[in-house]
PDB file of N, CA and C in Angstrom:
ATOM      1  N   TYR A   1       0.802  -1.190   0.000  1.00  0.00           N
ATOM      2  CA  TYR A   1       0.000   0.000   0.000  1.00  0.00           C
ATOM      3  C   TYR A   1       0.850   1.262   0.000  1.00  0.00           C
ATOM      4  N   PHE A   2       1.952   1.259   0.717  1.00  0.00           N
ATOM      5  CA  PHE A   2       2.772   2.463   0.819  1.00  0.00           C
ATOM      6  C   PHE A   2       3.776   2.488  -0.325  1.00  0.00           C
ATOM      7  N   VAL A   3       3.358   3.003  -1.458  1.00  0.00           N
ATOM      8  CA  VAL A   3       4.218   3.119  -2.628  1.00  0.00           C
ATOM      9  C   VAL A   3       4.255   4.574  -3.052  1.00  0.00           C
ATOM     10  N   LYS A   4       5.220   4.880  -3.902  1.00  0.00           N
ATOM     11  CA  LYS A   4       5.336   6.242  -4.439  1.00  0.00           C
ATOM     12  C   LYS A   4       4.894   6.235  -5.896  1.00  0.00           C
ATOM     13  N   MET A   5       4.738   7.430  -6.464  1.00  0.00           N
ATOM     14  CA  MET A   5       4.240   7.559  -7.827  1.00  0.00           C
ATOM     15  C   MET A   5       5.182   6.931  -8.856  1.00  0.00           C
ATOM     16  N   ASP A   6       6.476   6.815  -8.534  1.00  0.00           N
ATOM     17  CA  ASP A   6       7.400   6.229  -9.493  1.00  0.00           C
ATOM     18  C   ASP A   6       7.400   4.691  -9.446  1.00  0.00           C
ATOM     19  N   ASP A   7       6.696   4.123  -8.495  1.00  0.00           N
ATOM     20  CA  ASP A   7       6.562   2.675  -8.397  1.00  0.00           C
ATOM     21  C   ASP A   7       5.536   2.196  -9.430  1.00  0.00           C
ATOM     22  N   PRO A   8       5.841   1.135 -10.171  1.00  0.00           N
ATOM     23  CA  PRO A   8       4.887   0.670 -11.183  1.00  0.00           C
ATOM     24  C   PRO A   8       3.564   0.159 -10.590  1.00  0.00           C
ATOM     25  N   GLN A   9       3.547  -0.130  -9.321  1.00  0.00           N
ATOM     26  CA  GLN A   9       2.332  -0.640  -8.673  1.00  0.00           C
ATOM     27  C   GLN A   9       1.446   0.457  -8.078  1.00  0.00           C
ATOM     28  N   TRP A  10       1.787   1.725  -8.314  1.00  0.00           N
ATOM     29  CA  TRP A  10       1.048   2.795  -7.658  1.00  0.00           C
ATOM     30  C   TRP A  10      -0.414   2.845  -8.078  1.00  0.00           C
ATOM     31  N   VAL A  11      -0.720   2.487  -9.319  1.00  0.00           N
ATOM     32  CA  VAL A  11      -2.117   2.515  -9.780  1.00  0.00           C
ATOM     33  C   VAL A  11      -2.932   1.475  -9.008  1.00  0.00           C
ATOM     34  N   PHE A  12      -2.385   0.294  -8.856  1.00  0.00           N
ATOM     35  CA  PHE A  12      -3.069  -0.747  -8.098  1.00  0.00           C
ATOM     36  C   PHE A  12      -3.265  -0.305  -6.653  1.00  0.00           C
ATOM     37  N   SER A  13      -2.201   0.194  -6.041  1.00  0.00           N
ATOM     38  CA  SER A  13      -2.275   0.641  -4.658  1.00  0.00           C
ATOM     39  C   SER A  13      -3.296   1.758  -4.480  1.00  0.00           C
ATOM     40  N   PHE A  14      -3.283   2.717  -5.385  1.00  0.00           N
ATOM     41  CA  PHE A  14      -4.226   3.827  -5.323  1.00  0.00           C
ATOM     42  C   PHE A  14      -5.665   3.324  -5.454  1.00  0.00           C
ATOM     43  N   SER A  15      -5.900   2.405  -6.375  1.00  0.00           N
ATOM     44  CA  SER A  15      -7.267   1.912  -6.573  1.00  0.00           C
ATOM     45  C   SER A  15      -7.754   1.122  -5.360  1.00  0.00           C
ATOM     46  N   VAL A  16      -6.878   0.343  -4.736  1.00  0.00           N
ATOM     47  CA  VAL A  16      -7.268  -0.411  -3.544  1.00  0.00           C
ATOM     48  C   VAL A  16      -7.558   0.542  -2.387  1.00  0.00           C
ATOM     49  N   LEU A  17      -6.711   1.548  -2.207  1.00  0.00           N
ATOM     50  CA  LEU A  17      -6.942   2.525  -1.141  1.00  0.00           C
ATOM     51  C   LEU A  17      -8.231   3.299  -1.362  1.00  0.00           C
ATOM     52  N   LEU A  18      -8.457   3.702  -2.584  1.00  0.00           N
ATOM     53  CA  LEU A  18      -9.674   4.435  -2.905  1.00  0.00           C
ATOM     54  C   LEU A  18     -10.901   3.552  -2.685  1.00  0.00           C
ATOM     55  N   GLN A  19     -10.801   2.295  -3.067  1.00  0.00           N
ATOM     56  CA  GLN A  19     -11.900   1.363  -2.848  1.00  0.00           C
ATOM     57  C   GLN A  19     -12.166   1.187  -1.353  1.00  0.00           C
ATOM     58  N   ASN A  20     -11.122   1.055  -0.545  1.00  0.00           N
ATOM     59  CA  ASN A  20     -11.287   0.940   0.908  1.00  0.00           C
ATOM     60  C   ASN A  20     -11.966   2.180   1.480  1.00  0.00           C
ATOM     61  N   LEU A  21     -11.551   3.335   1.014  1.00  0.00           N
ATOM     62  CA  LEU A  21     -12.133   4.585   1.495  1.00  0.00           C
ATOM     63  C   LEU A  21     -13.610   4.678   1.111  1.00  0.00           C
ATOM     64  N   VAL A  22     -13.931   4.345  -0.108  1.00  0.00           N
ATOM     65  CA  VAL A  22     -15.326   4.388  -0.565  1.00  0.00           C
ATOM     66  C   VAL A  22     -16.167   3.371   0.211  1.00  0.00           C
ATOM     67  N   CYS A  23     -15.639   2.175   0.402  1.00  0.00           N
ATOM     68  CA  CYS A  23     -16.375   1.159   1.165  1.00  0.00           C
ATOM     69  C   CYS A  23     -16.617   1.617   2.595  1.00  0.00           C
ATOM     70  N   PHE A  24     -15.616   2.219   3.219  1.00  0.00           N
ATOM     71  CA  PHE A  24     -15.793   2.746   4.573  1.00  0.00           C
ATOM     72  C   PHE A  24     -16.895   3.797   4.597  1.00  0.00           C
ATOM     73  N   MET A  25     -16.904   4.689   3.615  1.00  0.00           N
ATOM     74  CA  MET A  25     -17.921   5.732   3.577  1.00  0.00           C
ATOM     75  C   MET A  25     -19.311   5.138   3.357  1.00  0.00           C
ATOM     76  N   VAL A  26     -19.439   4.158   2.478  1.00  0.00           N
ATOM     77  CA  VAL A  26     -20.738   3.515   2.224  1.00  0.00           C
ATOM     78  C   VAL A  26     -21.233   2.805   3.479  1.00  0.00           C
ATOM     79  N   ILE A  27     -20.353   2.082   4.139  1.00  0.00           N
ATOM     80  CA  ILE A  27     -20.721   1.378   5.369  1.00  0.00           C
ATOM     81  C   ILE A  27     -21.164   2.373   6.434  1.00  0.00           C
ATOM     82  N   THR A  28     -20.440   3.468   6.569  1.00  0.00           N
ATOM     83  CA  THR A  28     -20.798   4.482   7.550  1.00  0.00           C
ATOM     84  C   THR A  28     -22.172   5.077   7.252  1.00  0.00           C
ATOM     85  N   VAL A  29     -22.428   5.391   5.998  1.00  0.00           N
ATOM     86  CA  VAL A  29     -23.735   5.939   5.620  1.00  0.00           C
ATOM     87  C   VAL A  29     -24.836   4.919   5.895  1.00  0.00           C
ATOM     88  N   CYS A  30     -24.627   3.677   5.530  1.00  0.00           N
ATOM     89  CA  CYS A  30     -25.654   2.647   5.738  1.00  0.00           C
ATOM     90  C   CYS A  30     -25.949   2.435   7.223  1.00  0.00           C
ATOM     91  N   TYR A  31     -24.908   2.338   8.039  1.00  0.00           N
ATOM     92  CA  TYR A  31     -25.131   2.177   9.474  1.00  0.00           C
ATOM     93  C   TYR A  31     -25.808   3.414  10.065  1.00  0.00           C
ATOM     94  N   SER A  32     -25.445   4.588   9.584  1.00  0.00           N
ATOM     95  CA  SER A  32     -26.093   5.813  10.062  1.00  0.00           C
ATOM     96  C   SER A  32     -27.570   5.824   9.687  1.00  0.00           C
ATOM     97  N   LEU A  33     -27.889   5.327   8.502  1.00  0.00           N
ATOM     98  CA  LEU A  33     -29.296   5.227   8.095  1.00  0.00           C
ATOM     99  C   LEU A  33     -30.063   4.234   8.971  1.00  0.00           C
ATOM    100  N   ILE A  34     -29.425   3.153   9.364  1.00  0.00           N
ATOM    101  CA  ILE A  34     -30.069   2.202  10.268  1.00  0.00           C
ATOM    102  C   ILE A  34     -30.403   2.885  11.586  1.00  0.00           C
ATOM    103  N   ILE A  35     -29.446   3.625  12.128  1.00  0.00           N
ATOM    104  CA  ILE A  35     -29.700   4.351  13.375  1.00  0.00           C
ATOM    105  C   ILE A  35     -30.847   5.335  13.188  1.00  0.00           C
ATOM    106  N   HIS A  36     -30.816   6.093  12.107  1.00  0.00           N
ATOM    107  CA  HIS A  36     -31.865   7.085  11.848  1.00  0.00           C
ATOM    108  C   HIS A  36     -33.240   6.420  11.735  1.00  0.00           C
ATOM    109  N   HIS A  37     -33.319   5.324  11.008  1.00  0.00           N
ATOM    110  CA  HIS A  37     -34.608   4.653  10.816  1.00  0.00           C
ATOM    111  C   HIS A  37     -35.125   4.027  12.110  1.00  0.00           C
ATOM    112  N   THR A  38     -34.232   3.516  12.943  1.00  0.00           N
ATOM    113  CA  THR A  38     -34.701   2.947  14.205  1.00  0.00           C
ATOM    114  C   THR A  38     -35.239   4.035  15.122  1.00  0.00           C
ATOM    115  N   ILE A  39     -34.589   5.185  15.126  1.00  0.00           N
ATOM    116  CA  ILE A  39     -35.076   6.300  15.948  1.00  0.00           C
ATOM    117  C   ILE A  39     -36.406   6.814  15.414  1.00  0.00           C
ATOM    118  N   SER A  40     -36.476   7.035  14.099  1.00  0.00           N
ATOM    119  CA  SER A  40     -37.699   7.593  13.530  1.00  0.00           C
ATOM    120  C   SER A  40     -38.871   6.611  13.620  1.00  0.00           C
ATOM    121  N   SER A  41     -38.622   5.309  13.484  1.00  0.00           N
ATOM    122  CA  SER A  41     -39.730   4.353  13.588  1.00  0.00           C
ATOM    123  C   SER A  41     -40.253   4.263  15.007  1.00  0.00           C
ATOM    124  N   SER A  42     -39.378   4.395  16.001  1.00  0.00           N
ATOM    125  CA  SER A  42     -39.872   4.364  17.375  1.00  0.00           C
ATOM    126  C   SER A  42     -40.639   5.646  17.698  1.00  0.00           C
ATOM    127  N   LYS A  43     -40.236   6.776  17.102  1.00  0.00           N
ATOM    128  CA  LYS A  43     -40.977   8.023  17.301  1.00  0.00           C
ATOM    129  C   LYS A  43     -42.341   7.960  16.629  1.00  0.00           C
ATOM    130  N   CYS A  44     -42.407   7.362  15.438  1.00  0.00           N
ATOM    131  CA  CYS A  44     -43.681   7.257  14.698  1.00  0.00           C
ATOM    132  C   CYS A  44     -44.691   6.396  15.434  1.00  0.00           C
ATOM    133  N   THR A  45     -44.215   5.354  16.070  1.00  0.00           N
ATOM    134  CA  THR A  45     -45.128   4.473  16.787  1.00  0.00           C
ATOM    135  C   THR A  45     -45.513   5.038  18.144  1.00  0.00           C
ATOM    136  N   GLY A  46     -44.791   6.036  18.592  1.00  0.00           N
ATOM    137  CA  GLY A  46     -45.089   6.642  19.887  1.00  0.00           C
ATOM    138  C   GLY A  46     -44.526   5.863  21.056  1.00  0.00           C
ATOM    139  N   ASN A  47     -43.822   4.806  20.763  1.00  0.00           N
ATOM    140  CA  ASN A  47     -43.214   4.000  21.822  1.00  0.00           C
ATOM    141  C   ASN A  47     -41.862   4.583  22.206  1.00  0.00           C
ATOM    142  N   PRO A  48     -41.510   4.470  23.468  1.00  0.00           N
ATOM    143  CA  PRO A  48     -40.159   4.897  23.843  1.00  0.00           C
ATOM    144  C   PRO A  48     -39.127   3.959  23.211  1.00  0.00           C
ATOM    145  N   VAL A  49     -37.938   4.448  23.081  1.00  0.00           N
ATOM    146  CA  VAL A  49     -36.874   3.633  22.492  1.00  0.00           C
ATOM    147  C   VAL A  49     -36.582   2.470  23.442  1.00  0.00           C
ATOM    148  N   SER A  50     -36.681   1.283  22.908  1.00  0.00           N
ATOM    149  CA  SER A  50     -36.499   0.090  23.736  1.00  0.00           C
ATOM    150  C   SER A  50     -35.020  -0.124  24.045  1.00  0.00           C
ATOM    151  N   PRO A  51     -34.733  -0.855  25.106  1.00  0.00           N
ATOM    152  CA  PRO A  51     -33.332  -1.177  25.416  1.00  0.00           C
ATOM    153  C   PRO A  51     -32.635  -1.927  24.276  1.00  0.00           C
ATOM    154  N   ALA A  52     -33.381  -2.747  23.547  1.00  0.00           N
ATOM    155  CA  ALA A  52     -32.785  -3.482  22.425  1.00  0.00           C
ATOM    156  C   ALA A  52     -32.352  -2.518  21.329  1.00  0.00           C
ATOM    157  N   LEU A  53     -33.169  -1.499  21.046  1.00  0.00           N
ATOM    158  CA  LEU A  53     -32.783  -0.502  20.041  1.00  0.00           C
ATOM    159  C   LEU A  53     -31.600   0.321  20.509  1.00  0.00           C
ATOM    160  N   LEU A  54     -31.558   0.638  21.787  1.00  0.00           N
ATOM    161  CA  LEU A  54     -30.405   1.377  22.319  1.00  0.00           C
ATOM    162  C   LEU A  54     -29.129   0.549  22.197  1.00  0.00           C
ATOM    163  N   ARG A  55     -29.235  -0.750  22.485  1.00  0.00           N
ATOM    164  CA  ARG A  55     -28.052  -1.618  22.324  1.00  0.00           C
ATOM    165  C   ARG A  55     -27.621  -1.665  20.876  1.00  0.00           C
ATOM    166  N   LEU A  56     -28.597  -1.770  19.957  1.00  0.00           N
ATOM    167  CA  LEU A  56     -28.286  -1.788  18.530  1.00  0.00           C
ATOM    168  C   LEU A  56     -27.583  -0.494  18.117  1.00  0.00           C
ATOM    169  N   GLN A  57     -28.083   0.631  18.567  1.00  0.00           N
ATOM    170  CA  GLN A  57     -27.484   1.913  18.211  1.00  0.00           C
ATOM    171  C   GLN A  57     -26.076   2.050  18.777  1.00  0.00           C
ATOM    172  N   ARG A  58     -25.870   1.594  20.006  1.00  0.00           N
ATOM    173  CA  ARG A  58     -24.520   1.639  20.586  1.00  0.00           C
ATOM    174  C   ARG A  58     -23.562   0.741  19.818  1.00  0.00           C
ATOM    175  N   LYS A  59     -24.054  -0.449  19.433  1.00  0.00           N
ATOM    176  CA  LYS A  59     -23.220  -1.396  18.693  1.00  0.00           C
ATOM    177  C   LYS A  59     -22.822  -0.813  17.334  1.00  0.00           C
ATOM    178  N   ILE A  60     -23.777  -0.204  16.661  1.00  0.00           N
ATOM    179  CA  ILE A  60     -23.494   0.401  15.361  1.00  0.00           C
ATOM    180  C   ILE A  60     -22.503   1.544  15.503  1.00  0.00           C
ATOM    181  N   ALA A  61     -22.688   2.388  16.503  1.00  0.00           N
ATOM    182  CA  ALA A  61     -21.751   3.498  16.733  1.00  0.00           C
ATOM    183  C   ALA A  61     -20.356   2.972  17.035  1.00  0.00           C
ATOM    184  N   LEU A  62     -20.267   1.901  17.787  1.00  0.00           N
ATOM    185  CA  LEU A  62     -18.967   1.308  18.113  1.00  0.00           C
ATOM    186  C   LEU A  62     -18.304   0.708  16.880  1.00  0.00           C
ATOM    187  N   ILE A  63     -19.084   0.072  16.024  1.00  0.00           N
ATOM    188  CA  ILE A  63     -18.544  -0.485  14.774  1.00  0.00           C
ATOM    189  C   ILE A  63     -17.969   0.627  13.906  1.00  0.00           C
ATOM    190  N   ILE A  64     -18.725   1.710  13.748  1.00  0.00           N
ATOM    191  CA  ILE A  64     -18.256   2.841  12.939  1.00  0.00           C
ATOM    192  C   ILE A  64     -16.994   3.449  13.552  1.00  0.00           C
ATOM    193  N   ALA A  65     -16.992   3.623  14.863  1.00  0.00           N
ATOM    194  CA  ALA A  65     -15.840   4.241  15.536  1.00  0.00           C
ATOM    195  C   ALA A  65     -14.578   3.384  15.406  1.00  0.00           C
ATOM    196  N   THR A  66     -14.711   2.068  15.587  1.00  0.00           N
ATOM    197  CA  THR A  66     -13.515   1.218  15.479  1.00  0.00           C
ATOM    198  C   THR A  66     -13.013   1.161  14.038  1.00  0.00           C
ATOM    199  N   ASP A  67     -13.928   1.097  13.084  1.00  0.00           N
ATOM    200  CA  ASP A  67     -13.501   1.121  11.683  1.00  0.00           C
ATOM    201  C   ASP A  67     -12.784   2.431  11.364  1.00  0.00           C
ATOM    202  N   PHE A  68     -13.341   3.531  11.835  1.00  0.00           N
ATOM    203  CA  PHE A  68     -12.740   4.838  11.571  1.00  0.00           C
ATOM    204  C   PHE A  68     -11.347   4.937  12.191  1.00  0.00           C
ATOM    205  N   THR A  69     -11.225   4.564  13.452  1.00  0.00           N
ATOM    206  CA  THR A  69      -9.940   4.738  14.139  1.00  0.00           C
ATOM    207  C   THR A  69      -8.859   3.791  13.649  1.00  0.00           C
ATOM    208  N   THR A  70      -9.232   2.715  12.971  1.00  0.00           N
ATOM    209  CA  THR A  70      -8.202   1.807  12.469  1.00  0.00           C
ATOM    210  C   THR A  70      -7.914   1.988  10.985  1.00  0.00           C
ATOM    211  N   TRP A  71      -8.921   2.257  10.182  1.00  0.00           N
ATOM    212  CA  TRP A  71      -8.709   2.348   8.735  1.00  0.00           C
ATOM    213  C   TRP A  71      -8.340   3.732   8.241  1.00  0.00           C
ATOM    214  N   ILE A  72      -8.951   4.768   8.749  1.00  0.00           N
ATOM    215  CA  ILE A  72      -8.691   6.121   8.231  1.00  0.00           C
ATOM    216  C   ILE A  72      -7.234   6.538   8.426  1.00  0.00           C
ATOM    217  N   PRO A  73      -6.593   6.288   9.576  1.00  0.00           N
ATOM    218  CA  PRO A  73      -5.163   6.643   9.666  1.00  0.00           C
ATOM    219  C   PRO A  73      -4.311   5.916   8.630  1.00  0.00           C
ATOM    220  N   PHE A  74      -4.603   4.634   8.415  1.00  0.00           N
ATOM    221  CA  PHE A  74      -3.839   3.862   7.436  1.00  0.00           C
ATOM    222  C   PHE A  74      -4.025   4.428   6.032  1.00  0.00           C
ATOM    223  N   ILE A  75      -5.251   4.683   5.646  1.00  0.00           N
ATOM    224  CA  ILE A  75      -5.534   5.211   4.310  1.00  0.00           C
ATOM    225  C   ILE A  75      -4.918   6.591   4.135  1.00  0.00           C
ATOM    226  N   THR A  76      -5.031   7.429   5.161  1.00  0.00           N
ATOM    227  CA  THR A  76      -4.454   8.779   5.105  1.00  0.00           C
ATOM    228  C   THR A  76      -2.944   8.725   4.934  1.00  0.00           C
ATOM    229  N   LEU A  77      -2.281   7.907   5.731  1.00  0.00           N
ATOM    230  CA  LEU A  77      -0.820   7.791   5.616  1.00  0.00           C
ATOM    231  C   LEU A  77      -0.404   7.249   4.257  1.00  0.00           C
ATOM    232  N   ALA A  78      -1.163   6.293   3.746  1.00  0.00           N
ATOM    233  CA  ALA A  78      -0.826   5.735   2.436  1.00  0.00           C
ATOM    234  C   ALA A  78      -0.965   6.787   1.338  1.00  0.00           C
ATOM    235  N   PHE A  79      -2.016   7.609   1.385  1.00  0.00           N
ATOM    236  CA  PHE A  79      -2.170   8.677   0.393  1.00  0.00           C
ATOM    237  C   PHE A  79      -1.074   9.730   0.536  1.00  0.00           C
ATOM    238  N   ILE A  80      -0.716  10.083   1.769  1.00  0.00           N
ATOM    239  CA  ILE A  80       0.359  11.053   1.992  1.00  0.00           C
ATOM    240  C   ILE A  80       1.664  10.528   1.402  1.00  0.00           C
ATOM    241  N   HIS A  81       1.932   9.259   1.617  1.00  0.00           N
ATOM    242  CA  HIS A  81       3.156   8.646   1.091  1.00  0.00           C
ATOM    243  C   HIS A  81       3.109   8.567  -0.431  1.00  0.00           C
ATOM    244  N   LEU A  82       1.967   8.171  -0.974  1.00  0.00           N
ATOM    245  CA  LEU A  82       1.818   8.013  -2.418  1.00  0.00           C
ATOM    246  C   LEU A  82       2.081   9.323  -3.153  1.00  0.00           C
ATOM    247  N   PHE A  83       1.542  10.410  -2.637  1.00  0.00           N
ATOM    248  CA  PHE A  83       1.693  11.694  -3.311  1.00  0.00           C
ATOM    249  C   PHE A  83       2.986  12.411  -2.939  1.00  0.00           C
ATOM    250  N   GLY A  84       3.864  11.732  -2.193  1.00  0.00           N
ATOM    251  CA  GLY A  84       5.198  12.244  -1.934  1.00  0.00           C
ATOM    252  C   GLY A  84       5.275  13.384  -0.944  1.00  0.00           C
ATOM    253  N   GLU A  85       4.238  13.562  -0.145  1.00  0.00           N
ATOM    254  CA  GLU A  85       4.275  14.637   0.847  1.00  0.00           C
ATOM    255  C   GLU A  85       5.350  14.374   1.891  1.00  0.00           C
ATOM    256  N   THR A  86       5.444  13.151   2.327  1.00  0.00           N
ATOM    257  CA  THR A  86       6.462  12.754   3.287  1.00  0.00           C
ATOM    258  C   THR A  86       6.630  11.237   3.224  1.00  0.00           C
ATOM    259  N   ASP A  87       7.746  10.751   3.723  1.00  0.00           N
ATOM    260  CA  ASP A  87       8.008   9.321   3.724  1.00  0.00           C
ATOM    261  C   ASP A  87       7.497   8.731   5.030  1.00  0.00           C
ATOM    262  N   VAL A  88       6.473   7.915   4.943  1.00  0.00           N
ATOM    263  CA  VAL A  88       5.884   7.308   6.131  1.00  0.00           C
ATOM    264  C   VAL A  88       6.128   5.792   6.163  1.00  0.00           C
ATOM    265  N   SER A  89       7.159   5.355   5.482  1.00  0.00           N
ATOM    266  CA  SER A  89       7.442   3.919   5.410  1.00  0.00           C
ATOM    267  C   SER A  89       7.641   3.300   6.788  1.00  0.00           C
ATOM    268  N   ASP A  90       8.228   4.059   7.711  1.00  0.00           N
ATOM    269  CA  ASP A  90       8.478   3.517   9.042  1.00  0.00           C
ATOM    270  C   ASP A  90       7.201   3.275   9.829  1.00  0.00           C
ATOM    271  N   THR A  91       6.119   3.931   9.480  1.00  0.00           N
ATOM    272  CA  THR A  91       4.856   3.718  10.188  1.00  0.00           C
ATOM    273  C   THR A  91       4.004   2.621   9.558  1.00  0.00           C
ATOM    274  N   TYR A  92       4.447   2.101   8.421  1.00  0.00           N
ATOM    275  CA  TYR A  92       3.677   1.036   7.757  1.00  0.00           C
ATOM    276  C   TYR A  92       3.528  -0.174   8.669  1.00  0.00           C
ATOM    277  N   SER A  93       4.605  -0.564   9.318  1.00  0.00           N
ATOM    278  CA  SER A  93       4.534  -1.750  10.180  1.00  0.00           C
ATOM    279  C   SER A  93       3.593  -1.507  11.356  1.00  0.00           C
ATOM    280  N   LEU A  94       3.602  -0.301  11.909  1.00  0.00           N
ATOM    281  CA  LEU A  94       2.682   0.013  13.000  1.00  0.00           C
ATOM    282  C   LEU A  94       1.239  -0.128  12.525  1.00  0.00           C
ATOM    283  N   CYS A  95       0.954   0.425  11.367  1.00  0.00           N
ATOM    284  CA  CYS A  95      -0.411   0.359  10.841  1.00  0.00           C
ATOM    285  C   CYS A  95      -0.818  -1.064  10.479  1.00  0.00           C
ATOM    286  N   SER A  96       0.041  -1.746   9.756  1.00  0.00           N
ATOM    287  CA  SER A  96      -0.334  -3.067   9.243  1.00  0.00           C
ATOM    288  C   SER A  96      -0.271  -4.162  10.297  1.00  0.00           C
ATOM    289  N   MET A  97       0.552  -3.991  11.332  1.00  0.00           N
ATOM    290  CA  MET A  97       0.673  -5.042  12.334  1.00  0.00           C
ATOM    291  C   MET A  97      -0.030  -4.718  13.647  1.00  0.00           C
ATOM    292  N   VAL A  98      -0.470  -3.464  13.823  1.00  0.00           N
ATOM    293  CA  VAL A  98      -1.143  -3.108  15.064  1.00  0.00           C
ATOM    294  C   VAL A  98      -2.568  -2.610  14.802  1.00  0.00           C
ATOM    295  N   LEU A  99      -2.706  -1.541  14.017  1.00  0.00           N
ATOM    296  CA  LEU A  99      -4.026  -0.931  13.828  1.00  0.00           C
ATOM    297  C   LEU A  99      -5.021  -1.846  13.120  1.00  0.00           C
ATOM    298  N   LEU A 100      -4.648  -2.370  11.972  1.00  0.00           N
ATOM    299  CA  LEU A 100      -5.596  -3.172  11.199  1.00  0.00           C
ATOM    300  C   LEU A 100      -5.974  -4.480  11.897  1.00  0.00           C
ATOM    301  N   PRO A 101      -5.038  -5.192  12.526  1.00  0.00           N
ATOM    302  CA  PRO A 101      -5.456  -6.384  13.266  1.00  0.00           C
ATOM    303  C   PRO A 101      -6.361  -6.067  14.460  1.00  0.00           C
ATOM    304  N   ILE A 102      -6.181  -4.896  15.070  1.00  0.00           N
ATOM    305  CA  ILE A 102      -7.077  -4.512  16.169  1.00  0.00           C
ATOM    306  C   ILE A 102      -8.516  -4.491  15.670  1.00  0.00           C
ATOM    307  N   ASN A 103      -8.725  -3.935  14.489  1.00  0.00           N
ATOM    308  CA  ASN A 103     -10.064  -3.905  13.914  1.00  0.00           C
ATOM    309  C   ASN A 103     -10.586  -5.320  13.685  1.00  0.00           C
ATOM    310  N   SER A 104      -9.730  -6.187  13.194  1.00  0.00           N
ATOM    311  CA  SER A 104     -10.144  -7.571  12.932  1.00  0.00           C
ATOM    312  C   SER A 104     -10.464  -8.318  14.213  1.00  0.00           C
ATOM    313  N   VAL A 105      -9.794  -7.987  15.291  1.00  0.00           N
ATOM    314  CA  VAL A 105     -10.065  -8.626  16.578  1.00  0.00           C
ATOM    315  C   VAL A 105     -11.342  -8.062  17.196  1.00  0.00           C
ATOM    316  N   LEU A 106     -11.540  -6.753  17.098  1.00  0.00           N
ATOM    317  CA  LEU A 106     -12.692  -6.119  17.731  1.00  0.00           C
ATOM    318  C   LEU A 106     -14.011  -6.409  17.033  1.00  0.00           C
ATOM    319  N   ASN A 107     -14.004  -6.516  15.722  1.00  0.00           N
ATOM    320  CA  ASN A 107     -15.273  -6.700  14.990  1.00  0.00           C
ATOM    321  C   ASN A 107     -16.056  -7.938  15.460  1.00  0.00           C
ATOM    322  N   PRO A 108     -15.448  -9.126  15.568  1.00  0.00           N
ATOM    323  CA  PRO A 108     -16.239 -10.272  16.058  1.00  0.00           C
ATOM    324  C   PRO A 108     -16.766 -10.056  17.468  1.00  0.00           C
ATOM    325  N   LEU A 109     -15.973  -9.409  18.309  1.00  0.00           N
ATOM    326  CA  LEU A 109     -16.436  -9.134  19.672  1.00  0.00           C
ATOM    327  C   LEU A 109     -17.622  -8.190  19.680  1.00  0.00           C
ATOM    328  N   ILE A 110     -17.568  -7.176  18.829  1.00  0.00           N
ATOM    329  CA  ILE A 110     -18.668  -6.215  18.759  1.00  0.00           C
ATOM    330  C   ILE A 110     -19.915  -6.856  18.179  1.00  0.00           C
ATOM    331  N   TYR A 111     -19.772  -7.593  17.077  1.00  0.00           N
ATOM    332  CA  TYR A 111     -20.928  -8.203  16.441  1.00  0.00           C
ATOM    333  C   TYR A 111     -21.598  -9.266  17.305  1.00  0.00           C
ATOM    334  N   ASN A 112     -20.810  -9.954  18.121  1.00  0.00           N
ATOM    335  CA  ASN A 112     -21.371 -11.026  18.951  1.00  0.00           C
ATOM    336  C   ASN A 112     -21.810 -10.584  20.331  1.00  0.00           C
ATOM    337  N   SER A 113     -21.588  -9.322  20.678  1.00  0.00           N
ATOM    338  CA  SER A 113     -21.986  -8.874  22.026  1.00  0.00           C
ATOM    339  C   SER A 113     -23.449  -8.557  22.084  1.00  0.00           C
TER     340      SER A 113
END
């Protein structure tokens, strides 16, 4: 992922990073719509928000937050490196061996809680 413009693989790297960014944005919008619809449907029925809906909303917010805190720094650093703003090669190992696996570990815990 951390390549420069003179690397022949930069197009592939750029497209994968852009795809990850777009997927993150789509997922965030979809989860936000779920939260919005659960709130609006409980208001329409006149019922108070149930504990199950509150748990669902907290779970969705936690999923979005963990995805954001693990993927956005990686994508940002990769774009900064790609466009030659600064050399962030030394942080690649931190991102790829610490941040991204944290997301992979947390997601099953969040989904199953």
